[in-house]
Amino acid sequence: MTQVFNTNSRHTQTYTHTFRFQNGDFYLIGSHDRFEDTCDLNYLNEINFSTGKVIIDEEHSSCDDEERIIPKDIHKEFIHPFKILIKMDNFRIGENKLKIPDSDKEIHY
């Protein structure tokens, strides 16, 4: 299931969630979330719930010609053990969160 949101003229958010039928029900096994700005940033959060692999990728740039401090790009990969898979009927985009290790940030899926 893929959903695309244009929050304004510069921002696009694309969610792709993958479900697998097993044990008589559909379970969330993948989440791909990309938030893009036309020139300032590009964020990717990707989760494989079956393997526990999480990828966080943040790219920053500037739309302006004036000098300013641009945040450093971030790329993290880690394994998070998901003990229970979420059923499709119980899934609502953005209501679930995961703390990023060694960071004060969390991702929502």
Protein backbone atom coordinates (compact mmCIF):
# COMPACT_ATOMS: atom_id res chain seq x y z
CA MET A 1 0.00 0.00 0.00
CA THR A 2 1.49 3.35 -1.04
CA GLN A 3 0.20 6.80 -0.09
CA VAL A 4 1.59 10.13 -1.31
CA PHE A 5 0.89 13.45 0.42
CA ASN A 6 1.82 16.89 -0.90
CA THR A 7 1.78 18.96 2.26
CA ASN A 8 2.58 22.18 0.40
CA SER A 9 4.28 23.28 -2.82
CA ARG A 10 7.72 22.12 -1.61
CA HIS A 11 7.05 19.04 0.52
CA THR A 12 6.10 15.51 -0.46
CA GLN A 13 5.70 12.56 1.89
CA THR A 14 5.45 9.04 0.51
CA TYR A 15 4.58 6.04 2.65
CA THR A 16 4.81 2.47 1.43
CA HIS A 17 3.74 -0.28 3.81
CA THR A 18 4.09 -3.96 2.97
CA PHE A 19 1.89 -6.62 4.50
CA ARG A 20 2.20 -10.40 4.34
CA PHE A 21 -0.60 -12.92 4.81
CA GLN A 22 0.40 -15.56 7.36
CA ASN A 23 -1.32 -17.47 10.14
CA GLY A 24 -4.73 -16.40 8.81
CA ASP A 25 -4.11 -12.63 8.93
CA PHE A 26 -2.17 -9.78 7.27
CA TYR A 27 0.91 -8.52 9.16
CA LEU A 28 3.06 -5.43 8.60
CA ILE A 29 6.49 -6.59 7.42
CA GLY A 30 7.88 -3.41 5.83
CA SER A 31 7.69 0.36 6.14
CA HIS A 32 9.26 2.87 3.73
CA ASP A 33 8.75 6.56 4.54
CA ARG A 34 10.31 9.32 2.42
CA PHE A 35 9.87 13.01 3.22
CA GLU A 36 11.23 15.35 0.54
CA ASP A 37 11.66 19.06 0.25
CA THR A 38 12.47 20.45 -3.20
CA CYS A 39 15.96 21.51 -2.12
CA ASP A 40 16.49 21.65 1.67
CA LEU A 41 16.18 18.04 2.79
CA ASN A 42 15.42 14.46 1.92
CA TYR A 43 14.60 11.99 4.72
CA LEU A 44 14.22 8.24 4.41
CA ASN A 45 13.13 5.84 7.15
CA GLU A 46 12.97 2.19 6.18
CA ILE A 47 12.07 -0.77 8.41
CA ASN A 48 12.05 -4.49 7.69
CA PHE A 49 10.00 -5.92 10.55
CA SER A 50 10.90 -9.52 9.67
CA THR A 51 14.68 -9.03 9.95
CA GLY A 52 14.58 -6.03 12.32
CA LYS A 53 16.79 -3.94 10.02
CA VAL A 54 16.20 -0.19 10.24
CA ILE A 55 17.71 2.41 7.90
CA ILE A 56 17.70 6.13 8.65
CA ASP A 57 18.99 8.48 5.97
CA GLU A 58 18.87 12.28 6.20
CA GLU A 59 20.32 14.48 3.46
CA HIS A 60 20.49 18.26 3.89
CA SER A 61 21.20 21.08 1.47
CA SER A 62 20.12 24.69 0.98
CA CYS A 63 17.62 26.40 -1.30
CA ASP A 64 19.19 29.77 -0.61
CA ASP A 65 22.29 31.33 -2.07
CA GLU A 66 23.05 33.02 1.24
CA GLU A 67 25.43 31.31 3.61
CA ARG A 68 23.92 29.41 6.48
CA ILE A 69 24.76 26.40 8.56
CA ILE A 70 23.55 23.23 6.87
CA PRO A 71 23.05 20.23 9.19
CA LYS A 72 25.27 17.23 8.57
CA ASP A 73 23.85 14.34 6.61
CA ILE A 74 23.01 11.28 8.71
CA HIS A 75 23.00 7.64 7.73
CA LYS A 76 22.32 4.95 10.34
CA GLU A 77 21.59 1.29 10.07
CA PHE A 78 20.77 -0.87 13.05
CA ILE A 79 18.85 -3.97 14.08
CA HIS A 80 15.82 -3.63 16.35
CA PRO A 81 14.09 -6.83 17.45
CA PHE A 82 10.37 -6.51 16.81
CA LYS A 83 8.78 -9.14 19.05
CA ILE A 84 5.24 -8.78 17.73
CA LEU A 85 4.24 -7.91 14.17
CA ILE A 86 1.39 -5.41 13.77
CA LYS A 87 -1.80 -6.73 12.17
CA MET A 88 -3.21 -4.74 9.24
CA ASP A 89 -6.48 -4.08 11.08
CA ASN A 90 -4.58 -2.49 14.00
CA PHE A 91 -2.22 -0.37 11.88
CA ARG A 92 -2.59 3.42 11.62
CA ILE A 93 0.14 5.43 9.88
CA GLY A 94 2.18 7.50 12.33
CA GLU A 95 0.78 5.96 15.51
CA ASN A 96 3.79 3.70 16.05
CA LYS A 97 7.24 4.97 16.95
CA LEU A 98 10.77 3.70 17.37
CA LYS A 99 13.61 5.41 19.28
CA ILE A 100 16.79 5.77 17.24
CA PRO A 101 19.75 4.44 19.29
CA ASP A 102 22.36 7.01 20.39
CA SER A 103 20.03 9.83 19.39
CA ASP A 104 17.29 11.99 20.85
CA LYS A 105 15.18 11.31 17.74
CA GLU A 106 12.51 8.77 17.01
CA ILE A 107 10.80 7.69 13.83
CA HIS A 108 7.09 7.21 13.37
CA TYR A 109 5.57 4.61 11.09
